[in-house]
Amino acid sequence: MIPGLIILLVIVVLVAIKTIKIVPQSEVLIVERLGRYHKTAEAGLNIIWPFIDRVRARVDLREQTMDVQPQSVITKDNVTIRIDTVVFFQITEARNAVYEIQNLQNGIKYLTTTTMRDIIGKMELDTTLSSREQINSQLRQILDEATDKWGCKVNRVEIKDIDPPKDIREAMEKQMNAERNKRAVILEADGQKQAAITIAEGEKESKILQADAEKETNIRKAEGDRQARILRATGEAEAIKQIAEAKAQEIERVYTAIKNSNPDDKLIQLKALEALEEVSKGDANKVFIPFEATKALAGLGSLKEITKD
C-alpha cells in the first residue's frame, strides 16, 4: 500500500513539474499541441499539459547583437576590401521567428553579407571609406524590410572596420602625410601672413597715434605761445599805461608845485639850465647853445605869467 502511494506521489510531482512552467521576464515560450502551434507563453506562470503539449522554442525578446565575420567585398573601382560588421536586432514576433525561418541568425548573416556586397559594389574606394554612415543606413533599411516577415526588427547596423589591401593602405598613408604637410605649410604661411598684417597694423596705429600726439603738442604749444604773447602784450600795455599815468601825475605834481611856489624869472631860467644840463649828459648827445641864445631864455619868464593864471 505504501509503495503504491509513493509511486503515485512521484508521478504527481513529475506531472506538476511538466505542467507548471515559469517564464522569465523578456522571454516567451512557443508551445505546440500535438505537433501544431498552440500558443505563446508570456512571462510568468503558465500551464502546459504534458504528453499533448510541448515547448518548441524559448525566444529572447531583448535586443541582441550579432557579429558578422569580416567579408571580402569588391568596390566599383576593383579594389578588394574586408569589412567587419555588427548587427543589432530584436525579435518582435516570436512565432514568426520560429516558424518563418529555420535559423534566424544565419539568415541575418547571409542577408547582411549579400546586401553589403551589393551596396559596396556600387561605390568607389574613397567614397566607401568616407561614407560609413550612409552605408550603415542603407544596410539597416534593407535588412529591416527583409527581416520583417521573420518577426525581427533590425535597429542598427555598424561597420566596425574597413580594411583595404596593404599597398592601398601605404598609398593612402603617403597621401595623408602629404596632405598633412600641405596643411601645415598653409597654416604656417597663414600664420606668418597674419603676423605680418598685425605688425603692420600696429606700426600704422603707432604712427597715427604719434602724429596725433605731435599735432596735439604743436597745437598746445602754439596756444601757449599765443597766450604768452597776449599776456606779455597785456603786461607791456599795462606797464606803459601805468608809466604814462605816473609821468602824467609827476608832471601834474611838478606843475602844481611850480604854480604854488610863485616862481620868478631867475628861478625859471635856472630850472631851464638844469634841464638842458640833464639833456646834454652822455657822449652821444651834445647840445651847444650860442651865447646869443641865452637871451632867449629870458623869454621863459612868460611862464611866470602863465602860472599866475
Protein backbone atom coordinates (compact mmCIF):
# COMPACT_ATOMS: atom_id res chain seq x y z
CA MET A 1 0.00 0.00 0.00
CA ILE A 2 2.71 2.43 0.97
CA PRO A 3 4.90 1.75 -2.07
CA GLY A 4 1.92 2.41 -4.31
CA LEU A 5 1.29 5.76 -2.66
CA ILE A 6 4.92 6.70 -3.06
CA ILE A 7 4.85 5.83 -6.76
CA LEU A 8 1.64 7.83 -7.17
CA LEU A 9 3.15 10.79 -5.37
CA VAL A 10 6.24 10.69 -7.59
CA ILE A 11 4.05 10.58 -10.68
CA VAL A 12 2.05 13.58 -9.44
CA VAL A 13 5.25 15.55 -8.78
CA LEU A 14 6.62 14.76 -12.23
CA VAL A 15 3.35 15.75 -13.87
CA ALA A 16 3.33 19.03 -11.90
CA ILE A 17 6.89 19.77 -12.96
CA LYS A 18 6.00 19.12 -16.57
CA THR A 19 2.74 21.06 -16.32
CA ILE A 20 3.82 24.22 -14.49
CA LYS A 21 6.25 26.45 -16.38
CA ILE A 22 7.61 29.77 -15.07
CA VAL A 23 8.76 32.05 -17.89
CA PRO A 24 11.30 34.81 -17.02
CA GLN A 25 10.79 38.43 -17.97
CA SER A 26 11.76 39.36 -21.60
CA GLU A 27 11.32 35.74 -22.74
CA VAL A 28 8.47 33.75 -24.25
CA LEU A 29 7.84 30.08 -24.96
CA ILE A 30 6.46 28.73 -28.20
CA VAL A 31 4.07 25.89 -27.23
CA GLU A 32 2.88 23.19 -29.65
CA ARG A 33 -0.04 20.86 -29.07
CA LEU A 34 0.08 17.59 -30.90
CA GLY A 35 2.69 18.97 -33.30
CA ARG A 36 0.90 22.22 -34.17
CA TYR A 37 1.40 25.74 -32.84
CA HIS A 38 -0.81 26.21 -29.82
CA LYS A 39 0.20 29.44 -28.01
CA THR A 40 2.96 31.79 -26.99
CA ALA A 41 3.54 31.55 -23.25
CA GLU A 42 4.27 35.00 -21.83
CA ALA A 43 6.42 35.85 -18.79
CA GLY A 44 5.06 34.45 -15.53
CA LEU A 45 3.29 31.21 -14.53
CA ASN A 46 1.98 29.05 -17.38
CA ILE A 47 0.23 25.65 -17.53
CA ILE A 48 1.46 23.21 -20.20
CA TRP A 49 -0.20 19.84 -20.32
CA PRO A 50 2.21 17.00 -20.54
CA PHE A 51 2.08 14.40 -23.29
CA ILE A 52 -0.07 16.63 -25.53
CA ASP A 53 1.80 19.98 -25.24
CA ARG A 54 5.48 20.61 -25.68
CA VAL A 55 7.78 23.66 -25.72
CA ARG A 56 9.08 24.14 -29.25
CA ALA A 57 11.44 27.08 -28.55
CA ARG A 58 12.43 29.64 -25.93
CA VAL A 59 12.69 33.09 -27.55
CA ASP A 60 14.59 36.07 -26.09
CA LEU A 61 12.77 39.36 -26.80
CA ARG A 62 15.66 41.63 -25.77
CA GLU A 63 17.81 43.45 -28.31
CA GLN A 64 20.61 41.19 -29.47
CA THR A 65 23.94 41.73 -31.20
CA MET A 66 25.38 39.60 -33.95
CA ASP A 67 28.96 39.92 -35.14
CA VAL A 68 29.16 39.20 -38.86
CA GLN A 69 32.53 37.76 -39.79
CA PRO A 70 34.75 40.02 -41.99
CA GLN A 71 33.80 39.67 -45.62
CA SER A 72 35.82 40.41 -48.76
CA VAL A 73 34.00 42.94 -50.93
CA ILE A 74 34.99 44.40 -54.31
CA THR A 75 34.40 48.11 -54.85
CA LYS A 76 33.35 49.78 -58.07
CA ASP A 77 36.99 50.60 -58.93
CA ASN A 78 38.00 46.91 -58.49
CA VAL A 79 39.64 47.17 -55.06
CA THR A 80 39.13 44.23 -52.71
CA ILE A 81 38.47 45.30 -49.13
CA ARG A 82 37.47 43.44 -45.96
CA ILE A 83 34.55 44.77 -43.94
CA ASP A 84 33.70 43.81 -40.35
CA THR A 85 30.07 44.44 -39.37
CA VAL A 86 27.85 44.24 -36.27
CA VAL A 87 24.05 43.94 -36.47
CA PHE A 88 21.69 44.95 -33.63
CA PHE A 89 18.31 43.26 -33.92
CA GLN A 90 15.27 42.44 -31.77
CA ILE A 91 12.58 39.77 -32.14
CA THR A 92 9.12 41.33 -32.17
CA GLU A 93 7.04 38.27 -33.25
CA ALA A 94 8.30 35.10 -31.60
CA ARG A 95 6.00 32.84 -33.66
CA ASN A 96 7.34 34.15 -36.99
CA ALA A 97 10.94 33.98 -35.76
CA VAL A 98 10.44 30.25 -35.08
CA TYR A 99 8.23 29.14 -37.99
CA GLU A 100 9.12 31.51 -40.86
CA ILE A 101 12.83 30.72 -40.98
CA GLN A 102 14.87 27.73 -39.91
CA ASN A 103 17.73 29.72 -38.32
CA LEU A 104 17.15 33.42 -37.77
CA GLN A 105 20.74 34.42 -37.02
CA ASN A 106 22.15 32.61 -40.05
CA GLY A 107 19.53 34.25 -42.22
CA ILE A 108 20.50 37.71 -40.93
CA LYS A 109 24.21 36.96 -41.51
CA TYR A 110 23.74 35.82 -45.09
CA LEU A 111 21.40 38.68 -45.86
CA THR A 112 23.88 41.18 -44.38
CA THR A 113 26.74 39.77 -46.50
CA THR A 114 24.87 39.85 -49.79
CA THR A 115 23.39 43.30 -49.14
CA MET A 116 26.78 44.72 -48.21
CA ARG A 117 28.39 43.38 -51.39
CA ASP A 118 25.61 44.92 -53.44
CA ILE A 119 25.97 48.37 -51.80
CA ILE A 120 29.81 48.47 -51.79
CA GLY A 121 29.95 47.21 -55.39
CA LYS A 122 28.30 50.45 -56.49
CA MET A 123 30.78 52.69 -54.66
CA GLU A 124 34.43 53.56 -55.22
CA LEU A 125 37.05 53.05 -52.51
CA ASP A 126 37.35 56.70 -51.48
CA THR A 127 33.56 57.00 -51.26
CA THR A 128 33.36 53.79 -49.24
CA LEU A 129 35.93 54.99 -46.72
CA SER A 130 34.19 58.33 -46.25
CA SER A 131 30.57 57.12 -46.26
CA ARG A 132 30.23 54.75 -43.33
CA GLU A 133 27.08 56.44 -42.03
CA GLN A 134 25.45 56.20 -45.45
CA ILE A 135 26.37 52.50 -45.76
CA ASN A 136 25.09 51.77 -42.25
CA SER A 137 21.79 53.49 -43.01
CA GLN A 138 21.25 51.62 -46.27
CA LEU A 139 22.13 48.28 -44.69
CA ARG A 140 19.75 48.82 -41.78
CA GLN A 141 16.88 49.84 -44.04
CA ILE A 142 17.27 46.86 -46.40
CA LEU A 143 17.76 44.33 -43.58
CA ASP A 144 14.80 45.71 -41.63
CA GLU A 145 12.49 45.34 -44.62
CA ALA A 146 13.76 41.86 -45.45
CA THR A 147 13.54 40.50 -41.89
CA ASP A 148 10.11 41.94 -41.13
CA LYS A 149 8.37 38.71 -42.24
CA TRP A 150 10.62 36.82 -39.81
CA GLY A 151 9.21 38.80 -36.88
CA CYS A 152 12.51 40.60 -36.46
CA LYS A 153 13.40 44.30 -36.39
CA VAL A 154 16.92 45.48 -37.27
CA ASN A 155 17.64 48.53 -35.12
CA ARG A 156 21.20 49.38 -36.16
CA VAL A 157 24.00 48.18 -38.40
CA GLU A 158 27.53 49.32 -37.61
CA ILE A 159 30.64 48.86 -39.74
CA LYS A 160 33.45 48.21 -37.26
CA ASP A 161 36.34 48.24 -39.71
CA ILE A 162 37.14 48.66 -43.39
CA ASP A 163 40.48 47.07 -44.26
CA PRO A 164 41.87 47.86 -47.75
CA PRO A 165 44.87 45.97 -49.23
CA LYS A 166 48.37 46.72 -47.90
CA ASP A 167 49.55 48.61 -50.98
CA ILE A 168 46.40 50.74 -50.92
CA ARG A 169 46.94 51.50 -47.22
CA GLU A 170 50.54 52.54 -47.86
CA ALA A 171 49.47 54.80 -50.73
CA MET A 172 46.73 56.30 -48.56
CA GLU A 173 49.17 56.90 -45.72
CA LYS A 174 51.56 58.69 -48.09
CA GLN A 175 48.68 60.76 -49.42
CA MET A 176 47.53 61.63 -45.89
CA ASN A 177 51.09 62.58 -44.91
CA ALA A 178 51.39 64.78 -47.97
CA GLU A 179 48.04 66.36 -47.17
CA ARG A 180 49.09 66.97 -43.56
CA ASN A 181 52.36 68.56 -44.70
CA LYS A 182 50.44 70.71 -47.17
CA ARG A 183 48.02 71.85 -44.46
CA ALA A 184 50.94 72.53 -42.12
CA VAL A 185 52.68 74.69 -44.74
CA ILE A 186 49.43 76.52 -45.48
CA LEU A 187 48.77 77.11 -41.80
CA GLU A 188 52.33 78.33 -41.25
CA ALA A 189 52.06 80.69 -44.24
CA ASP A 190 48.71 81.96 -42.97
CA GLY A 191 50.22 82.47 -39.55
CA GLN A 192 53.14 84.44 -40.96
CA LYS A 193 50.73 86.48 -43.08
CA GLN A 194 48.53 87.27 -40.10
CA ALA A 195 51.60 88.13 -38.03
CA ALA A 196 52.88 90.49 -40.73
CA ILE A 197 49.43 92.10 -41.04
CA THR A 198 49.22 92.51 -37.28
CA ILE A 199 52.69 94.04 -37.10
CA ALA A 200 51.94 96.41 -40.00
CA GLU A 201 48.64 97.45 -38.43
CA GLY A 202 50.40 98.00 -35.13
CA GLU A 203 53.07 100.17 -36.74
CA LYS A 204 50.36 102.08 -38.62
CA GLU A 205 48.39 102.69 -35.43
CA SER A 206 51.60 103.70 -33.65
CA LYS A 207 52.48 106.22 -36.35
CA ILE A 208 48.94 107.61 -36.34
CA LEU A 209 49.00 107.98 -32.57
CA GLN A 210 52.46 109.55 -32.71
CA ALA A 211 51.33 112.02 -35.40
CA ASP A 212 48.22 112.85 -33.39
CA ALA A 213 50.35 113.36 -30.30
CA GLU A 214 52.76 115.65 -32.17
CA LYS A 215 49.84 117.55 -33.64
CA GLU A 216 48.26 117.96 -30.22
CA THR A 217 51.64 119.02 -28.80
CA ASN A 218 52.13 121.63 -31.54
CA ILE A 219 48.59 122.92 -31.04
CA ARG A 220 49.08 123.21 -27.31
CA LYS A 221 52.50 124.80 -27.80
CA ALA A 222 51.10 127.33 -30.30
CA GLU A 223 48.21 128.05 -27.96
CA GLY A 224 50.67 128.51 -25.11
CA ASP A 225 52.82 130.86 -27.19
CA ARG A 226 49.73 132.82 -28.19
CA GLN A 227 48.57 133.09 -24.61
CA ALA A 228 52.08 134.06 -23.53
CA ARG A 229 52.28 136.79 -26.20
CA ILE A 230 48.85 138.03 -25.23
CA LEU A 231 49.85 138.12 -21.60
CA ARG A 232 53.16 139.85 -22.41
CA ALA A 233 51.43 142.40 -24.63
CA THR A 234 48.79 142.96 -21.97
CA GLY A 235 51.52 143.36 -19.37
CA GLU A 236 53.53 145.75 -21.53
CA ALA A 237 50.41 147.77 -22.32
CA GLU A 238 49.54 147.88 -18.66
CA ALA A 239 53.12 148.89 -17.82
CA ILE A 240 53.12 151.64 -20.46
CA LYS A 241 49.77 152.79 -19.21
CA GLN A 242 50.99 152.90 -15.63
CA ILE A 243 54.23 154.64 -16.67
CA ALA A 244 52.28 157.21 -18.64
CA GLU A 245 49.92 157.71 -15.75
CA ALA A 246 52.93 158.08 -13.42
CA LYS A 247 54.56 160.59 -15.79
CA ALA A 248 51.34 162.50 -16.04
CA GLN A 249 50.97 162.51 -12.28
CA GLU A 250 54.60 163.60 -11.95
CA ILE A 251 54.15 166.42 -14.44
CA GLU A 252 50.94 167.41 -12.71
CA ARG A 253 52.70 167.45 -9.34
CA VAL A 254 55.63 169.46 -10.78
CA TYR A 255 53.22 171.83 -12.45
CA THR A 256 51.25 172.19 -9.27
CA ALA A 257 54.42 172.71 -7.23
CA ILE A 258 55.71 175.37 -9.59
CA LYS A 259 52.37 177.09 -9.61
CA ASN A 260 52.12 177.05 -5.84
CA SER A 261 55.72 178.35 -5.38
CA ASN A 262 55.03 181.53 -7.38
CA PRO A 263 58.44 181.38 -9.25
CA ASP A 264 60.29 184.45 -10.55
CA ASP A 265 62.22 184.81 -13.83
CA LYS A 266 65.55 183.82 -12.38
CA LEU A 267 64.23 180.59 -10.90
CA ILE A 268 62.65 179.67 -14.23
CA GLN A 269 65.89 180.38 -16.09
CA LEU A 270 67.83 178.31 -13.53
CA LYS A 271 65.47 175.33 -13.91
CA ALA A 272 65.74 175.61 -17.68
CA LEU A 273 69.51 175.45 -17.47
CA GLU A 274 69.29 172.42 -15.17
CA ALA A 275 67.07 170.72 -17.68
CA LEU A 276 69.48 171.46 -20.51
CA GLU A 277 72.28 170.08 -18.37
CA GLU A 278 70.43 166.78 -17.97
CA VAL A 279 69.76 166.65 -21.70
CA SER A 280 73.40 167.22 -22.54
CA LYS A 281 74.71 164.34 -20.40
CA GLY A 282 76.31 161.49 -22.25
CA ASP A 283 78.81 161.21 -25.08
CA ALA A 284 76.33 160.60 -27.82
CA ASN A 285 74.10 163.59 -27.29
CA LYS A 286 75.70 167.04 -27.11
CA VAL A 287 73.76 170.26 -27.06
CA PHE A 288 75.51 173.54 -27.98
CA ILE A 289 73.75 176.77 -27.19
CA PRO A 290 75.15 180.02 -28.64
CA PHE A 291 75.67 182.82 -26.23
CA GLU A 292 73.10 184.86 -28.02
CA ALA A 293 70.55 182.18 -27.35
CA THR A 294 70.76 182.70 -23.63
CA LYS A 295 68.83 185.85 -24.14
CA ALA A 296 66.06 183.88 -25.50
CA LEU A 297 65.90 182.01 -22.23
CA ALA A 298 64.68 185.16 -20.69
CA GLY A 299 61.57 184.64 -22.69
CA LEU A 300 60.82 181.78 -20.40
CA GLY A 301 59.79 184.37 -17.92
CA SER A 302 56.48 184.37 -19.63
CA LEU A 303 55.93 181.06 -17.88
CA LYS A 304 55.54 183.01 -14.70
CA GLU A 305 52.65 184.88 -16.18
CA ILE A 306 51.04 181.65 -17.37
CA THR A 307 51.33 180.06 -13.98
CA LYS A 308 49.69 183.00 -12.40
CA ASP A 309 46.54 182.48 -14.45
